[in-house]
């Protein structure tokens, strides 16, 4: 059970809120690599593709069409992977809380709002960087039940989860 919680926390961090595996991040990496090899692709297609298809050689147009297909695919791949992880019980159906901002810079006095997208449940958070969930699943003694916006006036590390009757959501962390 603890492994599944930790796995869900890592998945949440990478698949949401600017994480390394969001569609935006994946597409940015694709475009960076694409731009690096844009000019060389003609020589490579002549070197390898034309030998296999002499009557209909590959061109830059073929390559651009394939890049566009992969770019579109990356927009939907995250949801496919999340569904696969849910089927393997590595990512819960309990949704993590949404923050009005994920840091790092906000004006002093910023009012941080949290939203629970689940039907029912309570958002718990900590301001000391600890997890609101204790190992085993109970609520940490340093956890606070979210009721009103949090005023941010200094360096703050927030960690938050939703607790429902079905269990805990993945962890969301933000540093301000």
Protein backbone atom coordinates (compact mmCIF):
# COMPACT_ATOMS: atom_id res chain seq x y z
CA UNK A 1 0.00 0.00 0.00
CA UNK A 2 2.79 2.43 0.85
CA UNK A 3 4.57 1.68 -2.42
CA UNK A 4 1.37 2.48 -4.33
CA UNK A 5 1.03 5.81 -2.52
CA UNK A 6 4.64 6.73 -3.30
CA UNK A 7 4.22 5.66 -6.93
CA UNK A 8 1.06 7.80 -7.22
CA UNK A 9 2.92 10.77 -5.70
CA UNK A 10 5.70 10.50 -8.31
CA UNK A 11 3.18 10.09 -11.12
CA UNK A 12 1.24 13.15 -9.92
CA UNK A 13 4.42 15.24 -9.80
CA UNK A 14 5.42 14.35 -13.35
CA UNK A 15 2.08 14.19 -15.16
CA UNK A 16 0.48 17.38 -13.82
CA UNK A 17 1.15 21.05 -13.06
CA UNK A 18 4.16 21.60 -15.30
CA UNK A 19 5.73 18.20 -14.60
CA UNK A 20 8.22 16.55 -16.94
CA UNK A 21 5.64 14.25 -18.56
CA UNK A 22 2.86 16.74 -19.27
CA UNK A 23 1.84 17.07 -22.93
CA UNK A 24 3.43 20.53 -22.99
CA UNK A 25 6.79 19.27 -21.71
CA UNK A 26 6.78 16.24 -24.02
CA UNK A 27 5.92 18.40 -27.02
CA UNK A 28 8.62 20.94 -26.12
CA UNK A 29 11.23 18.15 -26.03
CA UNK A 30 10.02 16.83 -29.38
CA UNK A 31 10.25 20.28 -30.98
CA UNK A 32 13.71 20.89 -29.53
CA UNK A 33 15.03 17.64 -31.03
CA UNK A 34 13.15 18.25 -34.26
CA UNK A 35 14.75 21.67 -34.66
CA UNK A 36 18.19 20.20 -33.98
CA UNK A 37 17.91 17.71 -36.85
CA UNK A 38 15.69 19.68 -39.24
CA UNK A 39 18.40 20.30 -41.86
CA UNK A 40 20.04 16.90 -41.51
CA UNK A 41 16.82 14.97 -42.14
CA UNK A 42 17.13 15.47 -45.92
CA UNK A 43 20.52 13.78 -46.03
CA UNK A 44 19.33 10.98 -43.76
CA UNK A 45 16.25 10.34 -45.88
CA UNK A 46 18.44 10.18 -48.99
CA UNK A 47 20.89 7.89 -47.22
CA UNK A 48 18.40 5.38 -45.83
CA UNK A 49 14.89 6.02 -47.09
CA UNK A 50 15.59 6.37 -50.80
CA UNK A 51 17.39 3.02 -50.90
CA UNK A 52 14.29 1.28 -49.58
CA UNK A 53 11.78 3.22 -51.69
CA UNK A 54 13.60 4.26 -54.88
CA UNK A 55 10.36 4.79 -56.81
CA UNK A 56 8.91 6.99 -54.07
CA UNK A 57 11.72 8.50 -51.95
CA UNK A 58 11.03 10.07 -48.59
CA UNK A 59 11.11 13.88 -48.46
CA UNK A 60 11.10 16.53 -45.77
CA UNK A 61 7.32 16.73 -46.31
CA UNK A 62 7.00 13.09 -45.21
CA UNK A 63 9.10 13.84 -42.14
CA UNK A 64 7.06 16.93 -41.23
CA UNK A 65 3.84 14.93 -41.55
CA UNK A 66 5.24 12.29 -39.20
CA UNK A 67 6.39 14.95 -36.72
CA UNK A 68 2.89 16.44 -36.74
CA UNK A 69 1.40 12.99 -36.10
CA UNK A 70 3.70 12.40 -33.13
CA UNK A 71 3.03 15.94 -31.83
CA UNK A 72 -0.73 15.24 -31.84
CA UNK A 73 -0.20 11.82 -30.26
CA UNK A 74 1.72 13.37 -27.36
CA UNK A 75 -1.36 15.41 -26.53
CA UNK A 76 -3.34 12.26 -25.72
CA UNK A 77 -0.62 9.88 -24.52
CA UNK A 78 -0.65 11.10 -20.90
CA UNK A 79 -4.30 10.16 -20.42
CA UNK A 80 -3.66 6.74 -21.96
CA UNK A 81 -0.77 6.08 -19.57
CA UNK A 82 -2.75 7.33 -16.56
CA UNK A 83 -5.59 4.95 -17.40
CA UNK A 84 -3.09 2.08 -17.69
CA UNK A 85 -1.61 3.01 -14.31
CA UNK A 86 -5.09 3.14 -12.77
CA UNK A 87 -5.84 -0.32 -14.15
CA UNK A 88 -2.69 -1.59 -12.43
CA UNK A 89 -3.79 0.15 -9.19
CA UNK A 90 -0.75 2.44 -9.24
CA UNK A 91 -2.72 5.69 -9.54
CA UNK A 92 -5.91 6.32 -7.57
CA UNK A 93 -9.24 7.57 -8.82
CA UNK A 94 -9.22 10.14 -6.01
CA UNK A 95 -8.16 13.38 -7.68
CA UNK A 96 -5.45 15.55 -6.14
CA UNK A 97 -6.40 19.05 -5.03
CA UNK A 98 -5.96 21.89 -7.50
CA UNK A 99 -4.08 25.00 -6.41
CA UNK A 100 -4.76 28.49 -7.72
CA UNK A 101 -0.98 28.84 -8.27
CA UNK A 102 1.92 26.41 -8.13
CA UNK A 103 4.73 28.84 -7.35
CA UNK A 104 7.41 29.70 -7.06
CA UNK A 105 6.89 33.48 -7.14
CA UNK A 106 3.85 35.26 -5.75
CA UNK A 107 3.34 38.67 -4.20
CA UNK A 108 3.42 38.88 -0.44
CA UNK A 109 -0.09 38.32 0.89
CA UNK A 110 -1.11 36.14 -2.07
CA UNK A 111 -4.28 34.20 -1.24
CA UNK A 112 -3.75 30.57 -2.26
CA UNK A 113 -6.99 28.76 -3.06
CA UNK A 114 -7.38 24.99 -3.19
CA UNK A 115 -10.13 23.09 -4.98
CA UNK A 116 -11.37 19.56 -4.37
CA UNK A 117 -12.70 18.04 -7.61
CA UNK A 118 -13.88 14.86 -5.89
CA UNK A 119 -17.42 14.37 -4.70
CA UNK A 120 -16.83 14.62 -0.99
CA UNK A 121 -13.66 14.42 0.96
CA UNK A 122 -11.48 16.93 2.77
CA UNK A 123 -8.36 18.73 1.62
CA UNK A 124 -5.54 18.45 4.13
CA UNK A 125 -2.33 20.45 3.85
CA UNK A 126 0.84 21.24 5.74
CA UNK A 127 2.99 24.37 5.70
CA UNK A 128 6.16 22.77 7.06
CA UNK A 129 6.91 20.57 4.04
CA UNK A 130 5.72 17.35 5.70
CA UNK A 131 3.14 15.02 4.21
CA UNK A 132 -0.44 15.47 5.52
CA UNK A 133 -0.79 11.67 5.33
CA UNK A 134 1.04 9.51 7.83
CA UNK A 135 2.38 6.09 6.81
CA UNK A 136 -0.51 3.69 7.22
CA UNK A 137 -3.07 6.25 6.08
CA UNK A 138 -3.97 8.36 9.10
CA UNK A 139 -3.98 12.16 9.09
CA UNK A 140 -0.70 13.73 10.23
CA UNK A 141 -0.75 15.76 13.43
CA UNK A 142 0.71 18.71 11.50
CA UNK A 143 -2.01 18.56 8.82
CA UNK A 144 -4.62 21.30 8.58
CA UNK A 145 -8.07 20.86 7.05
CA UNK A 146 -8.48 23.45 4.28
CA UNK A 147 -11.38 25.83 4.79
CA UNK A 148 -10.29 29.29 3.62
CA UNK A 149 -7.54 30.62 1.32
CA UNK A 150 -4.00 30.57 2.72
CA UNK A 151 -2.20 33.90 2.89
CA UNK A 152 1.41 33.52 1.71
CA UNK A 153 3.74 36.08 3.25
CA UNK A 154 7.08 34.27 3.38
CA UNK A 155 8.89 31.28 1.92
CA UNK A 156 6.39 28.43 2.24
CA UNK A 157 6.34 24.77 1.23
CA UNK A 158 2.83 23.41 0.90
CA UNK A 159 2.00 19.73 0.61
CA UNK A 160 -1.60 18.79 0.18
CA UNK A 161 -3.86 15.77 -0.43
CA UNK A 162 -7.55 14.99 -0.47
CA UNK A 163 -8.91 12.33 1.87
CA UNK A 164 -12.17 10.69 0.77
CA UNK A 165 -13.95 7.54 1.89
CA UNK A 166 -12.06 5.79 -0.97
CA UNK A 167 -8.67 6.85 0.38
CA UNK A 168 -6.05 9.51 -0.23
CA UNK A 169 -5.27 11.41 -3.39
CA UNK A 170 -1.73 11.76 -4.67
CA UNK A 171 0.39 14.46 -3.08
CA UNK A 172 0.64 17.95 -4.54
CA UNK A 173 3.61 20.02 -3.46
CA UNK A 174 4.40 23.62 -4.19
CA UNK A 175 7.12 25.94 -2.98
CA UNK A 176 6.47 29.66 -2.79
